[in-house]
Amino acid sequence: MADIVVKDILEAGVHFGHRTSRWNPKMRQYIYGRRNQIHIIDLKETVRGLLRAKKYLHRVAAQGSLILFVGTKRQAAAAVQEAAEQTGMPYCTERWLGGTLTNFRTIRSRLRRLEELEELDKSGQLATYSKKQQSRLLRELRKIKRNLEGIRHMNRLPETIVLVDPNKEHNCVNEAKTLGIKVVGLLDTDCDPDDVDLPIPGNDDSIRSIKIILDHLAEAVAAGKSLRPRKPDEEGPQPEEPKPVPSIRS
């Protein structure tokens, strides 16, 4: 895996936090100081968190487990989608639908509906409907595709979630906690580090900052995938007794 270059992280502005008036006291251990009423994140803590996250994701990917990338804020959407597509993993860059994980069976039924609508459109059968029905079905198609396109091939629950800004993705975090899914998160000085299992303190509002962190994580996932023969998104029966996923503390 590629080495982490502190100079690149510094130039990307990963060390810039929020205004001191917006900080979460639980982030105190990750803060180096303040400048012009803005907290400065300790890059030693950023690198430490990033190294731990890369090691863990590498091992999870090597075992064939799914890793879900989540980032619905405007600054993160493009980088999240790019990282997920680069590694062949599912992603969510639009609105997080309640029950995406806790009610996964219903989400799968909506994906089947998406396939039905796409088949109607592709086969030309849609043209046999009235204009009003066509408009309604096309609107339904666009809505489902916009919200679920990134997870349409996710045939089982992920082992780990990589997200940007746990404050923004609080619904996702809550569902992950309910199901015992591990969370790796890039979080700023206004977040609660207890919300994630592997915190990476850093600027979660800058496009460059988000991208450089996700690039490193994606590189670790890709390296892990290269060590196993089977891809995580392949269709087909799953093994009855999957290998245990390593502890994040190991």
Protein backbone atom coordinates (compact mmCIF):
# COMPACT_ATOMS: atom_id res chain seq x y z
CA MET A 1 0.00 0.00 0.00
CA ALA A 2 1.12 3.54 -0.69
CA ASP A 3 2.80 5.43 2.12
CA ILE A 4 0.99 8.32 3.78
CA VAL A 5 2.75 11.58 2.99
CA VAL A 6 2.08 14.16 5.71
CA LYS A 7 3.00 16.98 3.35
CA ASP A 8 0.21 15.98 0.96
CA ILE A 9 -2.28 15.80 3.81
CA LEU A 10 -1.18 19.21 5.04
CA GLU A 11 -1.52 20.77 1.59
CA ALA A 12 -5.03 19.30 1.27
CA GLY A 13 -6.08 21.19 4.41
CA VAL A 14 -6.98 18.08 6.39
CA HIS A 15 -5.82 19.82 9.58
CA PHE A 16 -8.41 22.61 9.48
CA GLY A 17 -11.28 22.06 11.90
CA HIS A 18 -14.43 24.06 12.63
CA ARG A 19 -14.72 27.31 14.52
CA THR A 20 -13.92 26.97 18.20
CA SER A 21 -17.53 27.83 19.10
CA ARG A 22 -18.78 24.70 17.30
CA TRP A 23 -16.44 22.08 18.70
CA ASN A 24 -17.36 18.87 20.49
CA PRO A 25 -15.35 18.51 23.74
CA LYS A 26 -14.93 14.79 23.05
CA MET A 27 -12.62 15.76 20.17
CA ARG A 28 -10.17 17.41 22.55
CA GLN A 29 -7.59 14.61 22.23
CA TYR A 30 -7.46 15.12 18.45
CA ILE A 31 -6.98 18.90 18.51
CA TYR A 32 -3.49 20.43 18.31
CA GLY A 33 -4.47 24.02 19.00
CA ARG A 34 -6.38 26.98 17.62
CA ARG A 35 -5.69 29.73 15.12
CA ASN A 36 -7.94 32.70 14.38
CA GLN A 37 -10.81 31.06 16.28
CA ILE A 38 -10.48 27.85 14.23
CA HIS A 39 -9.37 24.57 15.75
CA ILE A 40 -6.32 22.89 14.22
CA ILE A 41 -6.45 19.10 14.11
CA ASP A 42 -3.36 17.17 15.21
CA LEU A 43 -2.06 15.51 12.04
CA LYS A 44 -0.32 12.84 14.12
CA GLU A 45 -3.76 11.68 15.22
CA THR A 46 -5.02 11.87 11.64
CA VAL A 47 -2.19 9.69 10.35
CA ARG A 48 -2.61 7.26 13.26
CA GLY A 49 -6.32 6.88 12.58
CA LEU A 50 -5.76 6.56 8.84
CA LEU A 51 -3.15 3.84 9.28
CA ARG A 52 -5.44 1.84 11.58
CA ALA A 53 -8.34 2.23 9.17
CA LYS A 54 -6.25 1.15 6.17
CA LYS A 55 -4.97 -1.92 7.99
CA TYR A 56 -8.47 -2.94 9.05
CA LEU A 57 -10.10 -2.34 5.65
CA HIS A 58 -7.30 -4.23 3.94
CA ARG A 59 -7.98 -7.29 6.10
CA VAL A 60 -11.77 -7.06 5.72
CA ALA A 61 -11.52 -6.75 1.92
CA ALA A 62 -9.09 -9.67 1.78
CA GLN A 63 -11.74 -11.88 3.40
CA GLY A 64 -14.36 -11.03 0.79
CA SER A 65 -16.66 -8.93 2.97
CA LEU A 66 -18.57 -5.93 1.64
CA ILE A 67 -17.59 -2.37 2.54
CA LEU A 68 -20.25 0.30 2.07
CA PHE A 69 -19.07 3.84 1.27
CA VAL A 70 -21.43 6.61 2.44
CA GLY A 71 -21.26 10.36 1.89
CA THR A 72 -24.41 12.32 1.06
CA LYS A 73 -23.05 15.84 1.57
CA ARG A 74 -22.30 17.74 -1.61
CA GLN A 75 -18.55 17.99 -0.99
CA ALA A 76 -18.18 14.24 -0.43
CA ALA A 77 -20.50 12.69 -3.03
CA ALA A 78 -18.09 12.61 -5.98
CA ALA A 79 -15.13 11.31 -3.96
CA VAL A 80 -17.24 8.63 -2.27
CA GLN A 81 -18.63 7.38 -5.57
CA GLU A 82 -15.18 7.36 -7.16
CA ALA A 83 -13.66 5.39 -4.25
CA ALA A 84 -16.50 2.85 -4.31
CA GLU A 85 -16.39 2.33 -8.07
CA GLN A 86 -12.62 2.02 -7.97
CA THR A 87 -12.91 -0.85 -5.48
CA GLY A 88 -16.14 -2.41 -6.79
CA MET A 89 -17.95 -1.71 -3.54
CA PRO A 90 -21.50 -0.37 -2.94
CA TYR A 91 -22.06 3.29 -2.11
CA CYS A 92 -24.68 5.84 -1.10
CA THR A 93 -24.26 9.45 -2.22
CA GLU A 94 -27.91 10.53 -2.26
CA ARG A 95 -30.33 10.73 0.64
CA TRP A 96 -29.94 7.88 3.12
CA LEU A 97 -33.23 5.99 3.12
CA GLY A 98 -34.36 4.94 6.57
CA GLY A 99 -34.09 1.17 6.91
CA THR A 100 -31.45 0.74 4.21
CA LEU A 101 -29.70 -1.67 6.56
CA THR A 102 -32.21 -2.53 9.27
CA ASN A 103 -34.97 -3.21 6.73
CA PHE A 104 -32.75 -4.58 3.99
CA ARG A 105 -35.38 -7.01 2.71
CA THR A 106 -37.69 -4.13 1.78
CA ILE A 107 -34.83 -2.31 0.08
CA ARG A 108 -34.12 -5.42 -1.99
CA SER A 109 -37.78 -5.46 -3.07
CA ARG A 110 -37.44 -1.87 -4.28
CA LEU A 111 -34.39 -2.89 -6.28
CA ARG A 112 -36.39 -5.66 -7.90
CA ARG A 113 -38.97 -3.03 -8.76
CA LEU A 114 -36.19 -0.97 -10.34
CA GLU A 115 -35.25 -3.92 -12.53
CA GLU A 116 -38.89 -4.36 -13.57
CA LEU A 117 -39.22 -0.70 -14.57
CA GLU A 118 -35.94 -0.76 -16.48
CA GLU A 119 -37.07 -3.86 -18.36
CA LEU A 120 -40.35 -2.14 -19.25
CA ASP A 121 -38.47 0.85 -20.59
CA LYS A 122 -35.84 -1.20 -22.42
CA SER A 123 -38.31 -3.60 -24.06
CA GLY A 124 -40.55 -0.82 -25.30
CA GLN A 125 -43.58 -2.09 -23.38
CA LEU A 126 -43.75 1.23 -21.57
CA ALA A 127 -45.00 2.83 -24.79
CA THR A 128 -48.19 0.75 -24.58
CA TYR A 129 -49.25 2.60 -21.43
CA SER A 130 -51.13 5.87 -21.40
CA LYS A 131 -49.09 9.09 -21.25
CA LYS A 132 -50.13 9.63 -17.64
CA GLN A 133 -49.02 6.12 -16.63
CA GLN A 134 -45.78 6.50 -18.56
CA SER A 135 -45.02 9.74 -16.73
CA ARG A 136 -45.75 8.14 -13.36
CA LEU A 137 -43.63 5.05 -14.06
CA LEU A 138 -40.70 7.06 -15.41
CA ARG A 139 -40.81 9.33 -12.36
CA GLU A 140 -40.78 6.25 -10.11
CA LEU A 141 -37.87 4.82 -12.11
CA ARG A 142 -35.81 7.99 -11.76
CA LYS A 143 -36.49 8.24 -8.03
CA ILE A 144 -35.55 4.65 -7.22
CA LYS A 145 -32.48 4.78 -9.44
CA ARG A 146 -31.28 8.04 -7.92
CA ASN A 147 -31.55 6.73 -4.36
CA LEU A 148 -30.53 3.09 -4.80
CA GLU A 149 -28.25 2.93 -7.83
CA GLY A 150 -25.12 2.65 -5.66
CA ILE A 151 -26.37 -0.38 -3.71
CA ARG A 152 -28.27 -2.22 -6.47
CA HIS A 153 -25.69 -5.04 -6.50
CA MET A 154 -25.34 -5.23 -2.70
CA ASN A 155 -26.78 -8.72 -2.15
CA ARG A 156 -25.97 -8.88 1.56
CA LEU A 157 -25.31 -6.56 4.47
CA PRO A 158 -21.86 -4.93 4.59
CA GLU A 159 -19.31 -5.85 7.21
CA THR A 160 -18.03 -2.29 7.46
CA ILE A 161 -19.18 1.22 6.56
CA VAL A 162 -16.81 4.00 5.50
CA LEU A 163 -18.46 7.39 5.85
CA VAL A 164 -17.75 11.10 5.80
CA ASP A 165 -19.12 13.26 8.64
CA PRO A 166 -21.02 11.07 11.16
CA ASN A 167 -23.11 14.11 12.14
CA LYS A 168 -24.54 14.29 8.62
CA GLU A 169 -24.90 10.50 8.39
CA HIS A 170 -26.41 10.00 11.86
CA ASN A 171 -29.20 7.75 10.54
CA CYS A 172 -26.64 5.49 8.89
CA VAL A 173 -24.57 5.41 12.09
CA ASN A 174 -27.62 4.47 14.19
CA GLU A 175 -28.53 1.59 11.87
CA ALA A 176 -24.95 0.35 11.89
CA LYS A 177 -24.92 0.37 15.69
CA THR A 178 -28.18 -1.57 15.80
CA LEU A 179 -26.77 -4.29 13.55
CA GLY A 180 -23.25 -4.32 14.98
CA ILE A 181 -21.67 -3.12 11.75
CA LYS A 182 -18.27 -1.46 12.20
CA VAL A 183 -17.95 2.17 11.11
CA VAL A 184 -14.85 3.93 9.81
CA GLY A 185 -15.41 7.67 9.66
CA LEU A 186 -13.73 10.93 8.67
CA LEU A 187 -14.88 13.36 11.33
CA ASP A 188 -14.31 17.03 12.07
CA THR A 189 -14.01 18.85 15.40
CA ASP A 190 -17.80 19.20 15.74
CA CYS A 191 -18.40 15.42 15.71
CA ASP A 192 -18.63 12.79 18.43
CA PRO A 193 -15.80 10.25 18.03
CA ASP A 194 -17.82 7.72 20.02
CA ASP A 195 -20.17 7.38 17.03
CA VAL A 196 -17.54 5.53 14.98
CA ASP A 197 -15.34 2.52 15.70
CA LEU A 198 -12.32 3.82 13.81
CA PRO A 199 -12.22 7.64 13.80
CA ILE A 200 -10.03 9.55 11.34
CA PRO A 201 -9.92 13.16 12.59
CA GLY A 202 -9.79 15.57 9.68
CA ASN A 203 -11.53 18.24 7.66
CA ASP A 204 -14.81 16.74 6.40
CA ASP A 205 -15.94 19.87 4.52
CA SER A 206 -13.12 20.27 2.01
CA ILE A 207 -13.31 18.37 -1.28
CA ARG A 208 -9.51 17.96 -1.40
CA SER A 209 -9.36 16.74 2.19
CA ILE A 210 -12.12 14.18 1.71
CA LYS A 211 -10.63 12.93 -1.53
CA ILE A 212 -7.12 12.36 -0.22
CA ILE A 213 -8.42 10.39 2.76
CA LEU A 214 -10.79 8.28 0.65
CA ASP A 215 -8.07 7.67 -1.92
CA HIS A 216 -5.90 6.11 0.78
CA LEU A 217 -8.78 3.99 2.11
CA ALA A 218 -9.79 2.87 -1.38
CA GLU A 219 -6.19 1.91 -2.13
CA ALA A 220 -6.15 -0.28 0.99
CA VAL A 221 -9.44 -1.95 0.00
CA ALA A 222 -8.19 -2.60 -3.55
CA ALA A 223 -4.97 -4.10 -2.20
CA GLY A 224 -6.98 -6.38 0.09
CA LYS A 225 -9.26 -7.51 -2.73
CA SER A 226 -6.27 -8.43 -4.87
CA LEU A 227 -5.29 -11.07 -2.30
CA ARG A 228 -8.43 -13.18 -2.77
CA PRO A 229 -9.80 -14.97 -5.82
CA ARG A 230 -13.50 -14.06 -5.44
CA LYS A 231 -15.04 -10.59 -5.75
CA PRO A 232 -17.41 -9.42 -2.96
CA ASP A 233 -20.19 -8.39 -5.37
CA GLU A 234 -20.32 -11.65 -7.29
CA GLU A 235 -23.75 -13.24 -7.44
CA GLY A 236 -24.25 -16.79 -6.29
CA PRO A 237 -24.67 -18.74 -3.04
CA GLN A 238 -22.66 -17.56 -0.10
CA PRO A 239 -20.62 -19.95 2.05
CA GLU A 240 -22.54 -21.36 5.00
CA GLU A 241 -19.80 -20.52 7.49
CA PRO A 242 -17.98 -17.35 6.44
CA LYS A 243 -14.61 -16.64 7.89
CA PRO A 244 -14.70 -14.46 11.01
CA VAL A 245 -13.87 -10.83 10.43
CA PRO A 246 -10.86 -9.62 12.42
CA SER A 247 -11.33 -7.36 15.38
CA ILE A 248 -10.51 -3.73 14.74
CA ARG A 249 -8.29 -3.84 17.81
CA SER A 250 -6.09 -6.57 16.41
